Amino acid sequence: MFLGESDIHDKQKVIQQIYDAFSGNDYPGDNFLQGSFDGCEPYDVIQPFQGRTDWQQIDPALLDAQYDALSFFSEAGLRFFLPAYLIADLRDELQTADPLLTLTHGFSDQAINVPTQAGVFVRKTGKSSLVNPNRYGATTFYDYACWRLSIFTREEAEAIVAYLTYKRDTDPYHLHEESINAALNLFWLDRAANAPSVEALKQHLKSEADFLAAIASNIPDGD
């Protein structure tokens, strides 16, 4: 897709906004990157990210090779490494990895008709679909998406809104317009306006540290 000068300029602005929003995040630690422990695949996919404490230095080829990591990361791992995927995507450096899907799945419904000898079955996925009733009861993909994506601060959500808006507005085929609009309207715009800010997180952590220090000072030596 050919981009005009204004689109290229906007792309650089979005990339810079992502850098600004995410560059201050701390590496979660090797033991806190993996979110799923079903089978050996999650470990195999996440292991290459261990020790990579600077997401800005990751080769896009690694991101593309480990495209499943976006599903297998812990919440902390997703928050730390997502900007690397977003920027690589904006630079057209990804062939397989799809961060757009990660940010929009669960906010709209899709259905396909599957003909069989017994009749036509309507198979649904997305917002109102149940994740896995045997394990998660009545949890829908919408419920799961709202919970998993709530890890992002206000500033990070603002950068994600910029990414989603750019992806929607520069696609001449409008392939993902419906899913992006649904995600923006049902989640991301509100998150960008009302999520806790970076400063609020810092203040919370300082308050917790001050409390623990005060409790520790009340414990007599030797106890």
C-alpha atoms as a PDB file:
ATOM      1  CA  MET A   1       0.000   0.000   0.000  1.00  0.00           C
ATOM      2  CA  PHE A   2       1.380   3.395  -0.998  1.00  0.00           C
ATOM      3  CA  LEU A   3       1.352   6.014   1.728  1.00  0.00           C
ATOM      4  CA  GLY A   4       1.166   9.719   1.021  1.00  0.00           C
ATOM      5  CA  GLU A   5       3.383  12.211   2.830  1.00  0.00           C
ATOM      6  CA  SER A   6       0.705  12.975   5.420  1.00  0.00           C
ATOM      7  CA  ASP A   7       0.226   9.268   6.171  1.00  0.00           C
ATOM      8  CA  ILE A   8       3.967   8.756   6.587  1.00  0.00           C
ATOM      9  CA  HIS A   9       4.124  11.748   8.895  1.00  0.00           C
ATOM     10  CA  ASP A  10       1.205  10.428  10.934  1.00  0.00           C
ATOM     11  CA  LYS A  11       2.876   7.024  11.140  1.00  0.00           C
ATOM     12  CA  GLN A  12       5.996   8.540  12.653  1.00  0.00           C
ATOM     13  CA  LYS A  13       3.846  10.432  15.157  1.00  0.00           C
ATOM     14  CA  VAL A  14       2.111   7.220  16.198  1.00  0.00           C
ATOM     15  CA  ILE A  15       5.430   5.383  16.528  1.00  0.00           C
ATOM     16  CA  GLN A  16       6.806   8.188  18.683  1.00  0.00           C
ATOM     17  CA  GLN A  17       3.689   8.138  20.846  1.00  0.00           C
ATOM     18  CA  ILE A  18       4.149   4.402  21.411  1.00  0.00           C
ATOM     19  CA  TYR A  19       7.783   4.936  22.375  1.00  0.00           C
ATOM     20  CA  ASP A  20       6.842   7.705  24.775  1.00  0.00           C
ATOM     21  CA  ALA A  21       4.047   5.727  26.415  1.00  0.00           C
ATOM     22  CA  PHE A  22       5.875   2.426  26.899  1.00  0.00           C
ATOM     23  CA  SER A  23       9.577   3.241  27.176  1.00  0.00           C
ATOM     24  CA  GLY A  24       9.501   3.651  30.951  1.00  0.00           C
ATOM     25  CA  ASN A  25       8.144   0.185  31.723  1.00  0.00           C
ATOM     26  CA  ASP A  26      10.345  -2.216  33.661  1.00  0.00           C
ATOM     27  CA  TYR A  27      11.118  -5.721  32.451  1.00  0.00           C
ATOM     28  CA  PRO A  28       8.831  -8.090  34.435  1.00  0.00           C
ATOM     29  CA  GLY A  29      11.531 -10.740  34.959  1.00  0.00           C
ATOM     30  CA  ASP A  30      12.096 -14.078  33.270  1.00  0.00           C
ATOM     31  CA  ASN A  31       9.757 -15.936  35.628  1.00  0.00           C
ATOM     32  CA  PHE A  32       6.818 -13.640  34.967  1.00  0.00           C
ATOM     33  CA  LEU A  33       6.578 -13.604  31.170  1.00  0.00           C
ATOM     34  CA  GLN A  34       4.530 -16.750  30.595  1.00  0.00           C
ATOM     35  CA  GLY A  35       0.780 -16.609  31.132  1.00  0.00           C
ATOM     36  CA  SER A  36      -0.414 -19.995  29.879  1.00  0.00           C
ATOM     37  CA  PHE A  37       0.929 -23.298  31.181  1.00  0.00           C
ATOM     38  CA  ASP A  38      -1.197 -25.684  29.146  1.00  0.00           C
ATOM     39  CA  GLY A  39       1.271 -28.038  27.474  1.00  0.00           C
ATOM     40  CA  CYS A  40       4.807 -27.250  26.347  1.00  0.00           C
ATOM     41  CA  GLU A  41       3.987 -24.812  23.522  1.00  0.00           C
ATOM     42  CA  PRO A  42       3.627 -21.691  25.704  1.00  0.00           C
ATOM     43  CA  TYR A  43       7.077 -22.204  27.232  1.00  0.00           C
ATOM     44  CA  ASP A  44       8.656 -22.856  23.834  1.00  0.00           C
ATOM     45  CA  VAL A  45       7.132 -19.657  22.454  1.00  0.00           C
ATOM     46  CA  ILE A  46       7.910 -17.405  25.420  1.00  0.00           C
ATOM     47  CA  GLN A  47      11.412 -18.713  26.218  1.00  0.00           C
ATOM     48  CA  PRO A  48      13.140 -16.674  23.442  1.00  0.00           C
ATOM     49  CA  PHE A  49      11.964 -13.489  25.200  1.00  0.00           C
ATOM     50  CA  GLN A  50      13.688 -14.306  28.465  1.00  0.00           C
ATOM     51  CA  GLY A  51      16.497 -11.906  29.273  1.00  0.00           C
ATOM     52  CA  ARG A  52      15.396  -9.396  26.637  1.00  0.00           C
ATOM     53  CA  THR A  53      15.103  -6.456  28.976  1.00  0.00           C
ATOM     54  CA  ASP A  54      14.936  -3.820  26.220  1.00  0.00           C
ATOM     55  CA  TRP A  55      12.002  -4.346  23.887  1.00  0.00           C
ATOM     56  CA  GLN A  56      13.326  -1.638  21.566  1.00  0.00           C
ATOM     57  CA  GLN A  57      16.281  -3.858  20.626  1.00  0.00           C
ATOM     58  CA  ILE A  58      14.281  -6.924  19.572  1.00  0.00           C
ATOM     59  CA  ASP A  59      14.671  -8.039  15.960  1.00  0.00           C
ATOM     60  CA  PRO A  60      11.281  -7.995  14.186  1.00  0.00           C
ATOM     61  CA  ALA A  61      12.146 -11.434  12.786  1.00  0.00           C
ATOM     62  CA  LEU A  62      11.936 -12.818  16.330  1.00  0.00           C
ATOM     63  CA  LEU A  63       8.577 -11.155  16.883  1.00  0.00           C
ATOM     64  CA  ASP A  64       7.251 -12.642  13.672  1.00  0.00           C
ATOM     65  CA  ALA A  65       8.621 -16.108  14.428  1.00  0.00           C
ATOM     66  CA  GLN A  66       6.998 -16.026  17.884  1.00  0.00           C
ATOM     67  CA  TYR A  67       3.660 -14.665  16.772  1.00  0.00           C
ATOM     68  CA  ASP A  68       1.825 -16.895  19.264  1.00  0.00           C
ATOM     69  CA  ALA A  69       3.542 -15.084  22.110  1.00  0.00           C
ATOM     70  CA  LEU A  70       0.839 -12.414  21.998  1.00  0.00           C
ATOM     71  CA  SER A  71      -1.579 -15.084  23.242  1.00  0.00           C
ATOM     72  CA  PHE A  72       0.784 -16.853  25.649  1.00  0.00           C
ATOM     73  CA  PHE A  73       2.345 -13.849  27.393  1.00  0.00           C
ATOM     74  CA  SER A  74       1.350 -13.121  30.946  1.00  0.00           C
ATOM     75  CA  GLU A  75      -0.352  -9.754  31.382  1.00  0.00           C
ATOM     76  CA  ALA A  76       2.987  -8.261  32.463  1.00  0.00           C
ATOM     77  CA  GLY A  77       4.729  -9.823  29.474  1.00  0.00           C
ATOM     78  CA  LEU A  78       2.097  -8.509  27.070  1.00  0.00           C
ATOM     79  CA  ARG A  79       2.337  -5.000  28.482  1.00  0.00           C
ATOM     80  CA  PHE A  80       6.126  -4.982  28.183  1.00  0.00           C
ATOM     81  CA  PHE A  81       6.528  -6.489  24.695  1.00  0.00           C
ATOM     82  CA  LEU A  82       3.406  -5.265  22.896  1.00  0.00           C
ATOM     83  CA  PRO A  83       4.991  -1.952  21.790  1.00  0.00           C
ATOM     84  CA  ALA A  84       7.695  -3.858  19.927  1.00  0.00           C
ATOM     85  CA  TYR A  85       4.979  -5.632  17.933  1.00  0.00           C
ATOM     86  CA  LEU A  86       3.028  -2.427  17.319  1.00  0.00           C
ATOM     87  CA  ILE A  87       6.023  -0.537  15.960  1.00  0.00           C
ATOM     88  CA  ALA A  88       7.176  -3.468  13.822  1.00  0.00           C
ATOM     89  CA  ASP A  89       3.665  -3.694  12.393  1.00  0.00           C
ATOM     90  CA  LEU A  90       3.567   0.016  11.588  1.00  0.00           C
ATOM     91  CA  ARG A  91       6.900  -0.357   9.817  1.00  0.00           C
ATOM     92  CA  ASP A  92       5.555  -3.280   7.761  1.00  0.00           C
ATOM     93  CA  GLU A  93       8.131  -5.624   9.295  1.00  0.00           C
ATOM     94  CA  LEU A  94       5.695  -8.394  10.274  1.00  0.00           C
ATOM     95  CA  GLN A  95       4.438 -11.153   8.014  1.00  0.00           C
ATOM     96  CA  THR A  96       2.661 -13.414  10.505  1.00  0.00           C
ATOM     97  CA  ALA A  97       2.323 -11.742  13.902  1.00  0.00           C
ATOM     98  CA  ASP A  98      -0.893  -9.769  14.223  1.00  0.00           C
ATOM     99  CA  PRO A  99      -1.044  -7.328  17.152  1.00  0.00           C
ATOM    100  CA  LEU A 100      -4.183  -5.789  15.670  1.00  0.00           C
ATOM    101  CA  LEU A 101      -6.072  -9.010  16.361  1.00  0.00           C
ATOM    102  CA  THR A 102      -4.839  -9.028  19.955  1.00  0.00           C
ATOM    103  CA  LEU A 103      -6.272  -5.555  20.516  1.00  0.00           C
ATOM    104  CA  THR A 104      -9.613  -6.053  18.767  1.00  0.00           C
ATOM    105  CA  HIS A 105     -10.649  -9.675  19.272  1.00  0.00           C
ATOM    106  CA  GLY A 106     -13.576 -10.039  21.635  1.00  0.00           C
ATOM    107  CA  PHE A 107     -15.320  -6.767  20.854  1.00  0.00           C
ATOM    108  CA  SER A 108     -17.395  -7.852  17.872  1.00  0.00           C
ATOM    109  CA  ASP A 109     -19.070 -11.066  16.744  1.00  0.00           C
ATOM    110  CA  GLN A 110     -18.358 -13.077  13.636  1.00  0.00           C
ATOM    111  CA  ALA A 111     -20.292 -16.080  12.374  1.00  0.00           C
ATOM    112  CA  ILE A 112     -19.812 -18.579   9.566  1.00  0.00           C
ATOM    113  CA  ASN A 113     -22.184 -21.235   8.271  1.00  0.00           C
ATOM    114  CA  VAL A 114     -20.717 -24.731   8.196  1.00  0.00           C
ATOM    115  CA  PRO A 115     -22.748 -27.159   6.071  1.00  0.00           C
ATOM    116  CA  THR A 116     -22.779 -30.814   7.155  1.00  0.00           C
ATOM    117  CA  GLN A 117     -24.878 -33.843   6.319  1.00  0.00           C
ATOM    118  CA  ALA A 118     -26.884 -33.155   9.466  1.00  0.00           C
ATOM    119  CA  GLY A 119     -27.582 -29.578   8.464  1.00  0.00           C
ATOM    120  CA  VAL A 120     -25.962 -26.169   8.536  1.00  0.00           C
ATOM    121  CA  PHE A 121     -24.280 -25.177  11.774  1.00  0.00           C
ATOM    122  CA  VAL A 122     -23.668 -21.533  12.645  1.00  0.00           C
ATOM    123  CA  ARG A 123     -20.262 -21.212  14.274  1.00  0.00           C
ATOM    124  CA  LYS A 124     -19.753 -17.981  16.189  1.00  0.00           C
ATOM    125  CA  THR A 125     -16.615 -16.402  17.548  1.00  0.00           C
ATOM    126  CA  GLY A 126     -15.914 -13.105  19.226  1.00  0.00           C
ATOM    127  CA  LYS A 127     -17.740 -10.902  21.699  1.00  0.00           C
ATOM    128  CA  SER A 128     -20.627 -13.106  22.838  1.00  0.00           C
ATOM    129  CA  SER A 129     -18.895 -16.479  22.406  1.00  0.00           C
ATOM    130  CA  LEU A 130     -18.064 -18.449  25.520  1.00  0.00           C
ATOM    131  CA  VAL A 131     -14.349 -18.979  26.119  1.00  0.00           C
ATOM    132  CA  ASN A 132     -14.510 -22.502  27.520  1.00  0.00           C
ATOM    133  CA  PRO A 133     -17.531 -23.260  29.717  1.00  0.00           C
ATOM    134  CA  ASN A 134     -15.919 -26.339  31.259  1.00  0.00           C
ATOM    135  CA  ARG A 135     -13.134 -24.183  32.714  1.00  0.00           C
ATOM    136  CA  TYR A 136     -14.460 -20.620  32.767  1.00  0.00           C
ATOM    137  CA  GLY A 137     -18.216 -20.983  33.112  1.00  0.00           C
ATOM    138  CA  ALA A 138     -20.123 -18.070  31.570  1.00  0.00           C
ATOM    139  CA  THR A 139     -17.037 -16.008  30.662  1.00  0.00           C
ATOM    140  CA  THR A 140     -17.288 -14.598  27.153  1.00  0.00           C
ATOM    141  CA  PHE A 141     -14.443 -13.450  24.942  1.00  0.00           C
ATOM    142  CA  TYR A 142     -15.624  -9.893  25.632  1.00  0.00           C
ATOM    143  CA  ASP A 143     -15.218 -10.471  29.375  1.00  0.00           C
ATOM    144  CA  TYR A 144     -11.774 -11.941  28.836  1.00  0.00           C
ATOM    145  CA  ALA A 145     -10.623  -9.161  26.509  1.00  0.00           C
ATOM    146  CA  CYS A 146     -11.719  -6.436  28.935  1.00  0.00           C
ATOM    147  CA  TRP A 147      -9.873  -8.122  31.786  1.00  0.00           C
ATOM    148  CA  ARG A 148      -6.659  -8.927  29.912  1.00  0.00           C
ATOM    149  CA  LEU A 149      -6.363  -5.544  28.225  1.00  0.00           C
ATOM    150  CA  SER A 150      -7.053  -3.582  31.401  1.00  0.00           C
ATOM    151  CA  ILE A 151      -3.323  -3.792  32.204  1.00  0.00           C
ATOM    152  CA  PHE A 152      -2.573  -0.699  30.137  1.00  0.00           C
ATOM    153  CA  THR A 153      -2.294   2.756  31.677  1.00  0.00           C
ATOM    154  CA  ARG A 154      -4.105   5.790  30.332  1.00  0.00           C
ATOM    155  CA  GLU A 155      -1.054   6.908  28.362  1.00  0.00           C
ATOM    156  CA  GLU A 156      -0.515   3.437  26.913  1.00  0.00           C
ATOM    157  CA  ALA A 157      -4.181   3.189  25.963  1.00  0.00           C
ATOM    158  CA  GLU A 158      -3.919   6.562  24.223  1.00  0.00           C
ATOM    159  CA  ALA A 159      -1.015   5.217  22.151  1.00  0.00           C
ATOM    160  CA  ILE A 160      -3.003   2.081  21.335  1.00  0.00           C
ATOM    161  CA  VAL A 161      -5.947   4.243  20.227  1.00  0.00           C
ATOM    162  CA  ALA A 162      -3.563   6.127  17.926  1.00  0.00           C
ATOM    163  CA  TYR A 163      -2.306   2.812  16.503  1.00  0.00           C
ATOM    164  CA  LEU A 164      -5.818   1.445  15.934  1.00  0.00           C
ATOM    165  CA  THR A 165      -7.029   4.679  14.373  1.00  0.00           C
ATOM    166  CA  TYR A 166      -4.043   4.804  12.025  1.00  0.00           C
ATOM    167  CA  LYS A 167      -4.543   1.172  10.979  1.00  0.00           C
ATOM    168  CA  ARG A 168      -8.205   1.832  10.260  1.00  0.00           C
ATOM    169  CA  ASP A 169      -7.772   5.109   8.412  1.00  0.00           C
ATOM    170  CA  THR A 170      -4.898   4.017   6.156  1.00  0.00           C
ATOM    171  CA  ASP A 171      -6.434   0.733   4.999  1.00  0.00           C
ATOM    172  CA  PRO A 172      -7.895   1.383   1.530  1.00  0.00           C
ATOM    173  CA  TYR A 173      -9.863  -1.890   1.689  1.00  0.00           C
ATOM    174  CA  HIS A 174     -11.432  -1.269   5.127  1.00  0.00           C
ATOM    175  CA  LEU A 175     -10.812  -4.914   5.998  1.00  0.00           C
ATOM    176  CA  HIS A 176     -10.729  -4.377   9.765  1.00  0.00           C
ATOM    177  CA  GLU A 177     -12.821  -1.231  10.072  1.00  0.00           C
ATOM    178  CA  GLU A 178     -15.749  -2.924  11.804  1.00  0.00           C
ATOM    179  CA  SER A 179     -13.629  -4.763  14.370  1.00  0.00           C
ATOM    180  CA  ILE A 180     -11.455  -1.704  15.077  1.00  0.00           C
ATOM    181  CA  ASN A 181     -14.466   0.567  15.548  1.00  0.00           C
ATOM    182  CA  ALA A 182     -16.084  -1.951  17.890  1.00  0.00           C
ATOM    183  CA  ALA A 183     -12.918  -2.224  19.969  1.00  0.00           C
ATOM    184  CA  LEU A 184     -12.525   1.548  20.114  1.00  0.00           C
ATOM    185  CA  ASN A 185     -16.133   2.211  21.055  1.00  0.00           C
ATOM    186  CA  LEU A 186     -16.555  -0.625  23.537  1.00  0.00           C
ATOM    187  CA  PHE A 187     -13.203  -0.420  25.286  1.00  0.00           C
ATOM    188  CA  TRP A 188     -10.225   1.604  24.088  1.00  0.00           C
ATOM    189  CA  LEU A 189     -11.652   5.118  23.946  1.00  0.00           C
ATOM    190  CA  ASP A 190     -12.939   4.814  27.502  1.00  0.00           C
ATOM    191  CA  ARG A 191      -9.664   3.245  28.625  1.00  0.00           C
ATOM    192  CA  ALA A 192      -7.699   6.121  27.108  1.00  0.00           C
ATOM    193  CA  ALA A 193      -9.878   8.616  28.966  1.00  0.00           C
ATOM    194  CA  ASN A 194     -10.334   6.946  32.339  1.00  0.00           C
ATOM    195  CA  ALA A 195      -7.643   4.319  33.016  1.00  0.00           C
ATOM    196  CA  PRO A 196      -5.215   4.975  35.863  1.00  0.00           C
ATOM    197  CA  SER A 197      -2.307   7.085  34.699  1.00  0.00           C
ATOM    198  CA  VAL A 198       1.376   6.240  34.924  1.00  0.00           C
ATOM    199  CA  GLU A 199       1.640   8.701  37.787  1.00  0.00           C
ATOM    200  CA  ALA A 200      -1.237   6.984  39.612  1.00  0.00           C
ATOM    201  CA  LEU A 201       0.605   3.657  39.358  1.00  0.00           C
ATOM    202  CA  LYS A 202       3.779   5.242  40.711  1.00  0.00           C
ATOM    203  CA  GLN A 203       1.908   6.809  43.609  1.00  0.00           C
ATOM    204  CA  HIS A 204       0.253   3.491  44.433  1.00  0.00           C
ATOM    205  CA  LEU A 205       3.580   1.658  44.474  1.00  0.00           C
ATOM    206  CA  LYS A 206       5.143   4.356  46.657  1.00  0.00           C
ATOM    207  CA  SER A 207       2.198   4.208  49.057  1.00  0.00           C
ATOM    208  CA  GLU A 208       2.501   0.431  49.317  1.00  0.00           C
ATOM    209  CA  ALA A 209       6.264   0.661  49.913  1.00  0.00           C
ATOM    210  CA  ASP A 210       5.768   3.315  52.592  1.00  0.00           C
ATOM    211  CA  PHE A 211       3.142   1.146  54.300  1.00  0.00           C
ATOM    212  CA  LEU A 212       5.342  -1.953  54.291  1.00  0.00           C
ATOM    213  CA  ALA A 213       8.271   0.061  55.623  1.00  0.00           C
ATOM    214  CA  ALA A 214       6.100   1.442  58.410  1.00  0.00           C
ATOM    215  CA  ILE A 215       4.877  -2.041  59.340  1.00  0.00           C
ATOM    216  CA  ALA A 216       8.437  -3.386  59.308  1.00  0.00           C
ATOM    217  CA  SER A 217       9.616  -0.575  61.620  1.00  0.00           C
ATOM    218  CA  ASN A 218       7.013  -1.667  64.195  1.00  0.00           C
ATOM    219  CA  ILE A 219       8.416  -5.200  64.389  1.00  0.00           C
ATOM    220  CA  PRO A 220      10.907  -5.463  67.287  1.00  0.00           C
ATOM    221  CA  ASP A 221      14.375  -6.653  66.377  1.00  0.00           C
ATOM    222  CA  GLY A 222      14.776 -10.404  66.771  1.00  0.00           C
ATOM    223  CA  ASP A 223      11.094 -11.212  66.229  1.00  0.00           C
END
